[in-house]
PDB file of N, CA and C in Angstrom:
ATOM      1  N   MET A   1      -2.944 226.367  11.419  1.00  0.00           N
ATOM      2  CA  MET A   1      -3.089 227.661  10.756  1.00  0.00           C
ATOM      3  C   MET A   1      -4.100 228.516  11.501  1.00  0.00           C
ATOM      4  N   SER A   2      -3.919 229.792  11.398  1.00  0.00           N
ATOM      5  CA  SER A   2      -4.870 230.704  11.997  1.00  0.00           C
ATOM      6  C   SER A   2      -5.845 231.176  10.928  1.00  0.00           C
ATOM      7  N   PRO A   3      -7.009 231.669  11.372  1.00  0.00           N
ATOM      8  CA  PRO A   3      -7.976 232.165  10.380  1.00  0.00           C
ATOM      9  C   PRO A   3      -7.432 233.402   9.681  1.00  0.00           C
ATOM     10  N   LEU A   4      -8.149 233.814   8.662  1.00  0.00           N
ATOM     11  CA  LEU A   4      -7.746 235.003   7.918  1.00  0.00           C
ATOM     12  C   LEU A   4      -7.699 236.208   8.837  1.00  0.00           C
ATOM     13  N   PRO A   5      -6.854 237.168   8.526  1.00  0.00           N
ATOM     14  CA  PRO A   5      -6.793 238.376   9.355  1.00  0.00           C
ATOM     15  C   PRO A   5      -8.154 239.048   9.434  1.00  0.00           C
ATOM     16  N   ARG A   6      -8.447 239.640  10.549  1.00  0.00           N
ATOM     17  CA  ARG A   6      -9.745 240.280  10.762  1.00  0.00           C
ATOM     18  C   ARG A   6      -9.957 241.477   9.846  1.00  0.00           C
ATOM     19  N   HIS A   7      -8.896 242.024   9.256  1.00  0.00           N
ATOM     20  CA  HIS A   7      -9.019 243.215   8.415  1.00  0.00           C
ATOM     21  C   HIS A   7      -9.226 242.881   6.940  1.00  0.00           C
ATOM     22  N   THR A   8      -9.497 241.629   6.623  1.00  0.00           N
ATOM     23  CA  THR A   8      -9.725 241.251   5.239  1.00  0.00           C
ATOM     24  C   THR A   8     -10.859 242.100   4.655  1.00  0.00           C
ATOM     25  N   VAL A   9     -10.641 242.650   3.475  1.00  0.00           N
ATOM     26  CA  VAL A   9     -11.638 243.490   2.815  1.00  0.00           C
ATOM     27  C   VAL A   9     -12.388 242.626   1.798  1.00  0.00           C
ATOM     28  N   TYR A  10     -13.691 242.744   1.810  1.00  0.00           N
ATOM     29  CA  TYR A  10     -14.540 241.998   0.886  1.00  0.00           C
ATOM     30  C   TYR A  10     -15.189 242.971  -0.085  1.00  0.00           C
ATOM     31  N   ALA A  11     -15.443 242.491  -1.287  1.00  0.00           N
ATOM     32  CA  ALA A  11     -15.996 243.346  -2.330  1.00  0.00           C
ATOM     33  C   ALA A  11     -17.439 243.751  -2.051  1.00  0.00           C
ATOM     34  N   SER A  12     -18.215 242.853  -1.484  1.00  0.00           N
ATOM     35  CA  SER A  12     -19.636 243.122  -1.300  1.00  0.00           C
ATOM     36  C   SER A  12     -20.161 242.377  -0.071  1.00  0.00           C
ATOM     37  N   PRO A  13     -21.060 243.003   0.687  1.00  0.00           N
ATOM     38  CA  PRO A  13     -21.666 242.279   1.803  1.00  0.00           C
ATOM     39  C   PRO A  13     -22.735 241.293   1.342  1.00  0.00           C
ATOM     40  N   TYR A  14     -23.059 241.304   0.059  1.00  0.00           N
ATOM     41  CA  TYR A  14     -24.123 240.467  -0.467  1.00  0.00           C
ATOM     42  C   TYR A  14     -23.619 239.229  -1.203  1.00  0.00           C
ATOM     43  N   ARG A  15     -22.309 239.149  -1.413  1.00  0.00           N
ATOM     44  CA  ARG A  15     -21.777 238.032  -2.199  1.00  0.00           C
ATOM     45  C   ARG A  15     -20.404 237.673  -1.652  1.00  0.00           C
ATOM     46  N   LEU A  16     -20.178 236.387  -1.486  1.00  0.00           N
ATOM     47  CA  LEU A  16     -18.883 235.888  -1.053  1.00  0.00           C
ATOM     48  C   LEU A  16     -18.193 235.301  -2.275  1.00  0.00           C
ATOM     49  N   GLU A  17     -17.166 235.967  -2.733  1.00  0.00           N
ATOM     50  CA  GLU A  17     -16.439 235.507  -3.912  1.00  0.00           C
ATOM     51  C   GLU A  17     -15.524 234.343  -3.530  1.00  0.00           C
ATOM     52  N   ASP A  18     -15.144 233.550  -4.518  1.00  0.00           N
ATOM     53  CA  ASP A  18     -14.304 232.379  -4.263  1.00  0.00           C
ATOM     54  C   ASP A  18     -12.984 232.735  -3.600  1.00  0.00           C
ATOM     55  N   HIS A  19     -12.415 233.881  -3.928  1.00  0.00           N
ATOM     56  CA  HIS A  19     -11.114 234.262  -3.387  1.00  0.00           C
ATOM     57  C   HIS A  19     -11.207 234.943  -2.020  1.00  0.00           C
ATOM     58  N   GLU A  20     -12.406 235.145  -1.514  1.00  0.00           N
ATOM     59  CA  GLU A  20     -12.613 235.792  -0.230  1.00  0.00           C
ATOM     60  C   GLU A  20     -12.873 234.743   0.856  1.00  0.00           C
ATOM     61  N   GLY A  21     -12.502 235.070   2.058  1.00  0.00           N
ATOM     62  CA  GLY A  21     -12.747 234.174   3.174  1.00  0.00           C
ATOM     63  C   GLY A  21     -11.725 233.046   3.229  1.00  0.00           C
ATOM     64  N   PRO A  22     -11.959 232.063   4.087  1.00  0.00           N
ATOM     65  CA  PRO A  22     -11.023 230.947   4.225  1.00  0.00           C
ATOM     66  C   PRO A  22     -10.804 230.236   2.889  1.00  0.00           C
ATOM     67  N   GLN A  23      -9.546 229.873   2.623  1.00  0.00           N
ATOM     68  CA  GLN A  23      -9.190 229.268   1.343  1.00  0.00           C
ATOM     69  C   GLN A  23      -8.795 227.798   1.450  1.00  0.00           C
ATOM     70  N   THR A  24      -8.609 227.315   2.650  1.00  0.00           N
ATOM     71  CA  THR A  24      -8.252 225.908   2.849  1.00  0.00           C
ATOM     72  C   THR A  24      -9.130 225.338   3.963  1.00  0.00           C
ATOM     73  N   LEU A  25      -9.181 224.014   4.046  1.00  0.00           N
ATOM     74  CA  LEU A  25      -9.939 223.405   5.141  1.00  0.00           C
ATOM     75  C   LEU A  25      -9.344 223.791   6.492  1.00  0.00           C
ATOM     76  N   ALA A  26      -8.031 223.897   6.568  1.00  0.00           N
ATOM     77  CA  ALA A  26      -7.394 224.291   7.830  1.00  0.00           C
ATOM     78  C   ALA A  26      -7.822 225.706   8.234  1.00  0.00           C
ATOM     79  N   GLU A  27      -7.839 226.641   7.281  1.00  0.00           N
ATOM     80  CA  GLU A  27      -8.284 228.008   7.579  1.00  0.00           C
ATOM     81  C   GLU A  27      -9.754 228.030   7.966  1.00  0.00           C
ATOM     82  N   LEU A  28     -10.572 227.243   7.265  1.00  0.00           N
ATOM     83  CA  LEU A  28     -11.995 227.197   7.560  1.00  0.00           C
ATOM     84  C   LEU A  28     -12.232 226.628   8.957  1.00  0.00           C
ATOM     85  N   ARG A  29     -11.539 225.554   9.277  1.00  0.00           N
ATOM     86  CA  ARG A  29     -11.688 224.956  10.614  1.00  0.00           C
ATOM     87  C   ARG A  29     -11.238 225.940  11.701  1.00  0.00           C
ATOM     88  N   ALA A  30     -10.148 226.643  11.469  1.00  0.00           N
ATOM     89  CA  ALA A  30      -9.672 227.622  12.452  1.00  0.00           C
ATOM     90  C   ALA A  30     -10.687 228.744  12.650  1.00  0.00           C
ATOM     91  N   ALA A  31     -11.265 229.222  11.559  1.00  0.00           N
ATOM     92  CA  ALA A  31     -12.260 230.297  11.653  1.00  0.00           C
ATOM     93  C   ALA A  31     -13.505 229.813  12.399  1.00  0.00           C
ATOM     94  N   LEU A  32     -13.951 228.595  12.104  1.00  0.00           N
ATOM     95  CA  LEU A  32     -15.113 228.041  12.804  1.00  0.00           C
ATOM     96  C   LEU A  32     -14.823 227.846  14.282  1.00  0.00           C
ATOM     97  N   ALA A  33     -13.620 227.386  14.615  1.00  0.00           N
ATOM     98  CA  ALA A  33     -13.242 227.202  16.018  1.00  0.00           C
ATOM     99  C   ALA A  33     -13.227 228.531  16.754  1.00  0.00           C
ATOM    100  N   ASP A  34     -12.795 229.604  16.069  1.00  0.00           N
ATOM    101  CA  ASP A  34     -12.813 230.940  16.678  1.00  0.00           C
ATOM    102  C   ASP A  34     -14.235 231.399  16.957  1.00  0.00           C
ATOM    103  N   ILE A  35     -15.146 231.075  16.062  1.00  0.00           N
ATOM    104  CA  ILE A  35     -16.544 231.474  16.221  1.00  0.00           C
ATOM    105  C   ILE A  35     -17.165 230.730  17.394  1.00  0.00           C
ATOM    106  N   ASP A  36     -17.034 229.393  17.356  1.00  0.00           N
ATOM    107  CA  ASP A  36     -17.613 228.538  18.395  1.00  0.00           C
ATOM    108  C   ASP A  36     -17.122 227.118  18.150  1.00  0.00           C
ATOM    109  N   PRO A  37     -16.480 226.499  19.110  1.00  0.00           N
ATOM    110  CA  PRO A  37     -16.005 225.129  18.911  1.00  0.00           C
ATOM    111  C   PRO A  37     -17.118 224.160  18.494  1.00  0.00           C
ATOM    112  N   ALA A  38     -18.347 224.434  18.914  1.00  0.00           N
ATOM    113  CA  ALA A  38     -19.465 223.576  18.509  1.00  0.00           C
ATOM    114  C   ALA A  38     -19.718 223.679  17.004  1.00  0.00           C
ATOM    115  N   GLU A  39     -19.471 224.853  16.420  1.00  0.00           N
ATOM    116  CA  GLU A  39     -19.617 225.016  14.967  1.00  0.00           C
ATOM    117  C   GLU A  39     -18.601 224.151  14.236  1.00  0.00           C
ATOM    118  N   LEU A  40     -17.386 224.092  14.755  1.00  0.00           N
ATOM    119  CA  LEU A  40     -16.357 223.253  14.148  1.00  0.00           C
ATOM    120  C   LEU A  40     -16.745 221.781  14.250  1.00  0.00           C
ATOM    121  N   THR A  41     -17.236 221.358  15.383  1.00  0.00           N
ATOM    122  CA  THR A  41     -17.661 219.965  15.565  1.00  0.00           C
ATOM    123  C   THR A  41     -18.789 219.616  14.594  1.00  0.00           C
ATOM    124  N   ALA A  42     -19.751 220.513  14.457  1.00  0.00           N
ATOM    125  CA  ALA A  42     -20.874 220.281  13.539  1.00  0.00           C
ATOM    126  C   ALA A  42     -20.390 220.237  12.093  1.00  0.00           C
ATOM    127  N   PHE A  43     -19.481 221.130  11.735  1.00  0.00           N
ATOM    128  CA  PHE A  43     -18.920 221.147  10.380  1.00  0.00           C
ATOM    129  C   PHE A  43     -18.217 219.825  10.081  1.00  0.00           C
ATOM    130  N   ASP A  44     -17.366 219.392  10.997  1.00  0.00           N
ATOM    131  CA  ASP A  44     -16.646 218.132  10.783  1.00  0.00           C
ATOM    132  C   ASP A  44     -17.603 216.957  10.609  1.00  0.00           C
ATOM    133  N   ALA A  45     -18.678 216.932  11.382  1.00  0.00           N
ATOM    134  CA  ALA A  45     -19.673 215.852  11.257  1.00  0.00           C
ATOM    135  C   ALA A  45     -20.376 215.912   9.903  1.00  0.00           C
ATOM    136  N   ARG A  46     -20.758 217.119   9.470  1.00  0.00           N
ATOM    137  CA  ARG A  46     -21.425 217.251   8.161  1.00  0.00           C
ATOM    138  C   ARG A  46     -20.473 216.882   7.030  1.00  0.00           C
ATOM    139  N   LEU A  47     -19.220 217.290   7.150  1.00  0.00           N
ATOM    140  CA  LEU A  47     -18.237 216.973   6.114  1.00  0.00           C
ATOM    141  C   LEU A  47     -17.983 215.469   6.049  1.00  0.00           C
ATOM    142  N   GLU A  48     -17.899 214.831   7.197  1.00  0.00           N
ATOM    143  CA  GLU A  48     -17.685 213.383   7.254  1.00  0.00           C
ATOM    144  C   GLU A  48     -18.848 212.629   6.607  1.00  0.00           C
ATOM    145  N   ALA A  49     -20.063 213.155   6.758  1.00  0.00           N
ATOM    146  CA  ALA A  49     -21.248 212.487   6.217  1.00  0.00           C
ATOM    147  C   ALA A  49     -21.502 212.825   4.750  1.00  0.00           C
ATOM    148  N   ALA A  50     -20.835 213.852   4.235  1.00  0.00           N
ATOM    149  CA  ALA A  50     -21.096 214.321   2.863  1.00  0.00           C
ATOM    150  C   ALA A  50     -20.494 213.368   1.835  1.00  0.00           C
ATOM    151  N   ARG A  51     -21.128 213.347   0.681  1.00  0.00           N
ATOM    152  CA  ARG A  51     -20.603 212.588  -0.449  1.00  0.00           C
ATOM    153  C   ARG A  51     -19.649 213.487  -1.226  1.00  0.00           C
ATOM    154  N   PHE A  52     -18.719 212.865  -1.931  1.00  0.00           N
ATOM    155  CA  PHE A  52     -17.788 213.636  -2.746  1.00  0.00           C
ATOM    156  C   PHE A  52     -18.546 214.483  -3.762  1.00  0.00           C
ATOM    157  N   GLY A  53     -17.934 215.537  -4.233  1.00  0.00           N
ATOM    158  CA  GLY A  53     -18.540 216.401  -5.256  1.00  0.00           C
ATOM    159  C   GLY A  53     -19.452 217.427  -4.639  1.00  0.00           C
ATOM    160  N   ASP A  54     -20.702 217.437  -5.085  1.00  0.00           N
ATOM    161  CA  ASP A  54     -21.643 218.459  -4.650  1.00  0.00           C
ATOM    162  C   ASP A  54     -21.902 218.424  -3.149  1.00  0.00           C
ATOM    163  N   GLY A  55     -21.870 217.254  -2.540  1.00  0.00           N
ATOM    164  CA  GLY A  55     -22.079 217.162  -1.098  1.00  0.00           C
ATOM    165  C   GLY A  55     -21.009 217.903  -0.324  1.00  0.00           C
ATOM    166  N   TYR A  56     -19.746 217.671  -0.673  1.00  0.00           N
ATOM    167  CA  TYR A  56     -18.637 218.384  -0.034  1.00  0.00           C
ATOM    168  C   TYR A  56     -18.748 219.879  -0.297  1.00  0.00           C
ATOM    169  N   ARG A  57     -19.020 220.212  -1.536  1.00  0.00           N
ATOM    170  CA  ARG A  57     -19.102 221.623  -1.929  1.00  0.00           C
ATOM    171  C   ARG A  57     -20.176 222.338  -1.107  1.00  0.00           C
ATOM    172  N   ALA A  58     -21.319 221.720  -0.922  1.00  0.00           N
ATOM    173  CA  ALA A  58     -22.407 222.351  -0.173  1.00  0.00           C
ATOM    174  C   ALA A  58     -22.027 222.564   1.290  1.00  0.00           C
ATOM    175  N   VAL A  59     -21.383 221.578   1.898  1.00  0.00           N
ATOM    176  CA  VAL A  59     -20.979 221.703   3.306  1.00  0.00           C
ATOM    177  C   VAL A  59     -19.945 222.818   3.467  1.00  0.00           C
ATOM    178  N   ILE A  60     -18.980 222.862   2.569  1.00  0.00           N
ATOM    179  CA  ILE A  60     -17.929 223.882   2.645  1.00  0.00           C
ATOM    180  C   ILE A  60     -18.508 225.268   2.375  1.00  0.00           C
ATOM    181  N   THR A  61     -19.373 225.379   1.387  1.00  0.00           N
ATOM    182  CA  THR A  61     -20.007 226.662   1.072  1.00  0.00           C
ATOM    183  C   THR A  61     -20.808 227.173   2.261  1.00  0.00           C
ATOM    184  N   GLN A  62     -21.589 226.312   2.869  1.00  0.00           N
ATOM    185  CA  GLN A  62     -22.395 226.709   4.025  1.00  0.00           C
ATOM    186  C   GLN A  62     -21.497 227.202   5.160  1.00  0.00           C
ATOM    187  N   ALA A  63     -20.404 226.509   5.410  1.00  0.00           N
ATOM    188  CA  ALA A  63     -19.492 226.910   6.481  1.00  0.00           C
ATOM    189  C   ALA A  63     -18.817 228.246   6.156  1.00  0.00           C
ATOM    190  N   ARG A  64     -18.419 228.450   4.905  1.00  0.00           N
ATOM    191  CA  ARG A  64     -17.804 229.722   4.509  1.00  0.00           C
ATOM    192  C   ARG A  64     -18.797 230.875   4.667  1.00  0.00           C
ATOM    193  N   GLN A  65     -20.059 230.618   4.341  1.00  0.00           N
ATOM    194  CA  GLN A  65     -21.074 231.648   4.505  1.00  0.00           C
ATOM    195  C   GLN A  65     -21.296 231.959   5.985  1.00  0.00           C
ATOM    196  N   LEU A  66     -21.278 230.934   6.826  1.00  0.00           N
ATOM    197  CA  LEU A  66     -21.427 231.142   8.256  1.00  0.00           C
ATOM    198  C   LEU A  66     -20.292 232.011   8.796  1.00  0.00           C
ATOM    199  N   VAL A  67     -19.074 231.734   8.364  1.00  0.00           N
ATOM    200  CA  VAL A  67     -17.934 232.545   8.790  1.00  0.00           C
ATOM    201  C   VAL A  67     -18.143 234.002   8.377  1.00  0.00           C
ATOM    202  N   ALA A  68     -18.591 234.230   7.152  1.00  0.00           N
ATOM    203  CA  ALA A  68     -18.822 235.601   6.680  1.00  0.00           C
ATOM    204  C   ALA A  68     -19.903 236.287   7.511  1.00  0.00           C
ATOM    205  N   ILE A  69     -20.982 235.587   7.771  1.00  0.00           N
ATOM    206  CA  ILE A  69     -22.087 236.181   8.526  1.00  0.00           C
ATOM    207  C   ILE A  69     -21.658 236.507   9.955  1.00  0.00           C
ATOM    208  N   ARG A  70     -20.903 235.615  10.548  1.00  0.00           N
ATOM    209  CA  ARG A  70     -20.543 235.785  11.958  1.00  0.00           C
ATOM    210  C   ARG A  70     -19.331 236.693  12.188  1.00  0.00           C
ATOM    211  N   THR A  71     -18.537 236.975  11.155  1.00  0.00           N
ATOM    212  CA  THR A  71     -17.320 237.753  11.371  1.00  0.00           C
ATOM    213  C   THR A  71     -17.290 239.076  10.609  1.00  0.00           C
ATOM    214  N   ARG A  72     -18.205 239.280   9.670  1.00  0.00           N
ATOM    215  CA  ARG A  72     -18.179 240.494   8.859  1.00  0.00           C
ATOM    216  C   ARG A  72     -19.301 241.439   9.271  1.00  0.00           C
ATOM    217  N   PRO A  73     -18.973 242.552   9.920  1.00  0.00           N
ATOM    218  CA  PRO A  73     -20.017 243.477  10.358  1.00  0.00           C
ATOM    219  C   PRO A  73     -20.872 244.010   9.215  1.00  0.00           C
ATOM    220  N   GLU A  74     -20.262 244.198   8.032  1.00  0.00           N
ATOM    221  CA  GLU A  74     -21.046 244.725   6.903  1.00  0.00           C
ATOM    222  C   GLU A  74     -22.086 243.720   6.416  1.00  0.00           C
ATOM    223  N   VAL A  75     -21.833 242.430   6.590  1.00  0.00           N
ATOM    224  CA  VAL A  75     -22.814 241.408   6.224  1.00  0.00           C
ATOM    225  C   VAL A  75     -23.959 241.431   7.233  1.00  0.00           C
ATOM    226  N   ARG A  76     -23.613 241.479   8.510  1.00  0.00           N
ATOM    227  CA  ARG A  76     -24.660 241.545   9.544  1.00  0.00           C
ATOM    228  C   ARG A  76     -25.527 242.785   9.356  1.00  0.00           C
ATOM    229  N   GLU A  77     -24.907 243.920   9.007  1.00  0.00           N
ATOM    230  CA  GLU A  77     -25.664 245.150   8.788  1.00  0.00           C
ATOM    231  C   GLU A  77     -26.573 245.020   7.564  1.00  0.00           C
ATOM    232  N   ALA A  78     -26.099 244.414   6.502  1.00  0.00           N
ATOM    233  CA  ALA A  78     -26.921 244.213   5.301  1.00  0.00           C
ATOM    234  C   ALA A  78     -28.125 243.324   5.619  1.00  0.00           C
ATOM    235  N   ILE A  79     -27.917 242.279   6.408  1.00  0.00           N
ATOM    236  CA  ILE A  79     -29.019 241.392   6.801  1.00  0.00           C
ATOM    237  C   ILE A  79     -30.014 242.152   7.673  1.00  0.00           C
ATOM    238  N   ARG A  80     -29.497 242.906   8.662  1.00  0.00           N
ATOM    239  CA  ARG A  80     -30.371 243.678   9.545  1.00  0.00           C
ATOM    240  C   ARG A  80     -31.214 244.671   8.750  1.00  0.00           C
ATOM    241  N   ALA A  81     -30.571 245.403   7.833  1.00  0.00           N
ATOM    242  CA  ALA A  81     -31.290 246.394   7.028  1.00  0.00           C
ATOM    243  C   ALA A  81     -32.347 245.736   6.150  1.00  0.00           C
ATOM    244  N   SER A  82     -32.009 244.584   5.603  1.00  0.00           N
ATOM    245  CA  SER A  82     -32.973 243.876   4.761  1.00  0.00           C
ATOM    246  C   SER A  82     -34.183 243.420   5.577  1.00  0.00           C
ATOM    247  N   LEU A  83     -33.937 242.846   6.740  1.00  0.00           N
ATOM    248  CA  LEU A  83     -35.035 242.379   7.591  1.00  0.00           C
ATOM    249  C   LEU A  83     -35.889 243.531   8.101  1.00  0.00           C
ATOM    250  N   ALA A  84     -35.282 244.689   8.275  1.00  0.00           N
ATOM    251  CA  ALA A  84     -36.017 245.863   8.755  1.00  0.00           C
ATOM    252  C   ALA A  84     -36.721 246.603   7.620  1.00  0.00           C
ATOM    253  N   GLY A  85     -36.551 246.131   6.392  1.00  0.00           N
ATOM    254  CA  GLY A  85     -37.182 246.788   5.251  1.00  0.00           C
ATOM    255  C   GLY A  85     -36.536 248.110   4.902  1.00  0.00           C
ATOM    256  N   GLU A  86     -35.273 248.283   5.264  1.00  0.00           N
ATOM    257  CA  GLU A  86     -34.577 249.544   5.024  1.00  0.00           C
ATOM    258  C   GLU A  86     -33.760 249.545   3.742  1.00  0.00           C
ATOM    259  N   THR A  87     -33.839 248.490   2.981  1.00  0.00           N
ATOM    260  CA  THR A  87     -33.075 248.423   1.740  1.00  0.00           C
ATOM    261  C   THR A  87     -34.026 248.421   0.562  1.00  0.00           C
ATOM    262  N   GLU A  88     -33.535 248.936  -0.544  1.00  0.00           N
ATOM    263  CA  GLU A  88     -34.336 248.918  -1.766  1.00  0.00           C
ATOM    264  C   GLU A  88     -34.018 247.652  -2.545  1.00  0.00           C
ATOM    265  N   LEU A  89     -35.006 247.134  -3.211  1.00  0.00           N
ATOM    266  CA  LEU A  89     -34.788 245.949  -4.026  1.00  0.00           C
ATOM    267  C   LEU A  89     -33.927 246.298  -5.224  1.00  0.00           C
ATOM    268  N   MET A  90     -33.171 245.345  -5.681  1.00  0.00           N
ATOM    269  CA  MET A  90     -32.314 245.536  -6.847  1.00  0.00           C
ATOM    270  C   MET A  90     -33.188 245.506  -8.106  1.00  0.00           C
ATOM    271  N   THR A  91     -32.943 246.435  -9.010  1.00  0.00           N
ATOM    272  CA  THR A  91     -33.681 246.430 -10.269  1.00  0.00           C
ATOM    273  C   THR A  91     -33.159 245.299 -11.147  1.00  0.00           C
ATOM    274  N   VAL A  92     -33.927 244.946 -12.147  1.00  0.00           N
ATOM    275  CA  VAL A  92     -33.501 243.905 -13.083  1.00  0.00           C
ATOM    276  C   VAL A  92     -32.224 244.331 -13.795  1.00  0.00           C
ATOM    277  N   GLU A  93     -32.137 245.605 -14.146  1.00  0.00           N
ATOM    278  CA  GLU A  93     -30.943 246.105 -14.820  1.00  0.00           C
ATOM    279  C   GLU A  93     -29.712 245.964 -13.920  1.00  0.00           C
ATOM    280  N   ASP A  94     -29.872 246.309 -12.632  1.00  0.00           N
ATOM    281  CA  ASP A  94     -28.759 246.177 -11.687  1.00  0.00           C
ATOM    282  C   ASP A  94     -28.373 244.709 -11.503  1.00  0.00           C
ATOM    283  N   LEU A  95     -29.374 243.837 -11.473  1.00  0.00           N
ATOM    284  CA  LEU A  95     -29.100 242.407 -11.329  1.00  0.00           C
ATOM    285  C   LEU A  95     -28.251 241.906 -12.492  1.00  0.00           C
ATOM    286  N   PHE A  96     -28.658 242.235 -13.705  1.00  0.00           N
ATOM    287  CA  PHE A  96     -27.889 241.768 -14.868  1.00  0.00           C
ATOM    288  C   PHE A  96     -26.502 242.418 -14.927  1.00  0.00           C
ATOM    289  N   ALA A  97     -26.394 243.661 -14.509  1.00  0.00           N
ATOM    290  CA  ALA A  97     -25.073 244.310 -14.453  1.00  0.00           C
ATOM    291  C   ALA A  97     -24.190 243.596 -13.455  1.00  0.00           C
ATOM    292  N   GLU A  98     -24.751 243.204 -12.323  1.00  0.00           N
ATOM    293  CA  GLU A  98     -23.979 242.461 -11.310  1.00  0.00           C
ATOM    294  C   GLU A  98     -23.573 241.092 -11.849  1.00  0.00           C
ATOM    295  N   LEU A  99     -24.480 240.421 -12.516  1.00  0.00           N
ATOM    296  CA  LEU A  99     -24.163 239.104 -13.087  1.00  0.00           C
ATOM    297  C   LEU A  99     -23.123 239.198 -14.184  1.00  0.00           C
ATOM    298  N   ASP A 100     -23.153 240.291 -14.944  1.00  0.00           N
ATOM    299  CA  ASP A 100     -22.163 240.491 -16.015  1.00  0.00           C
ATOM    300  C   ASP A 100     -20.749 240.673 -15.472  1.00  0.00           C
ATOM    301  N   LYS A 101     -20.636 241.065 -14.211  1.00  0.00           N
ATOM    302  CA  LYS A 101     -19.308 241.228 -13.603  1.00  0.00           C
ATOM    303  C   LYS A 101     -18.588 239.899 -13.486  1.00  0.00           C
ATOM    304  N   GLY A 102     -19.363 238.815 -13.472  1.00  0.00           N
ATOM    305  CA  GLY A 102     -18.765 237.482 -13.371  1.00  0.00           C
ATOM    306  C   GLY A 102     -18.519 237.093 -11.932  1.00  0.00           C
ATOM    307  N   GLY A 103     -17.963 235.888 -11.779  1.00  0.00           N
ATOM    308  CA  GLY A 103     -17.689 235.373 -10.437  1.00  0.00           C
ATOM    309  C   GLY A 103     -18.896 234.625  -9.909  1.00  0.00           C
ATOM    310  N   ALA A 104     -18.613 233.589  -9.142  1.00  0.00           N
ATOM    311  CA  ALA A 104     -19.674 232.765  -8.567  1.00  0.00           C
ATOM    312  C   ALA A 104     -19.761 233.034  -7.084  1.00  0.00           C
ATOM    313  N   ALA A 105     -20.978 233.140  -6.580  1.00  0.00           N
ATOM    314  CA  ALA A 105     -21.166 233.282  -5.149  1.00  0.00           C
ATOM    315  C   ALA A 105     -20.898 231.958  -4.475  1.00  0.00           C
ATOM    316  N   SER A 106     -20.358 232.036  -3.259  1.00  0.00           N
ATOM    317  CA  SER A 106     -20.106 230.827  -2.487  1.00  0.00           C
ATOM    318  C   SER A 106     -20.757 230.934  -1.157  1.00  0.00           C
TER     319      SER A 106
END
């Protein structure tokens, strides 16, 4: 399988929703291989060493986040702006409004 199309639209550069990004191990492996074959090798080693349940989930989540960071320009820009102090902090009201929208970050 090939990775997701490069034109995939994401809801937010600050949150990776479950339905966004690679959806299968084959898609995730393909995306990691596109980024850097060494990333795929490292992912496979971490996955092989992980325990079922939370261990697998953590390895897969980390890899999905890496794909988002390395392939989504809006994520890289959000990180750059945050590190440069060019972003405003979220208010408590905005935080709770965002949480009320539902969905889990991955």
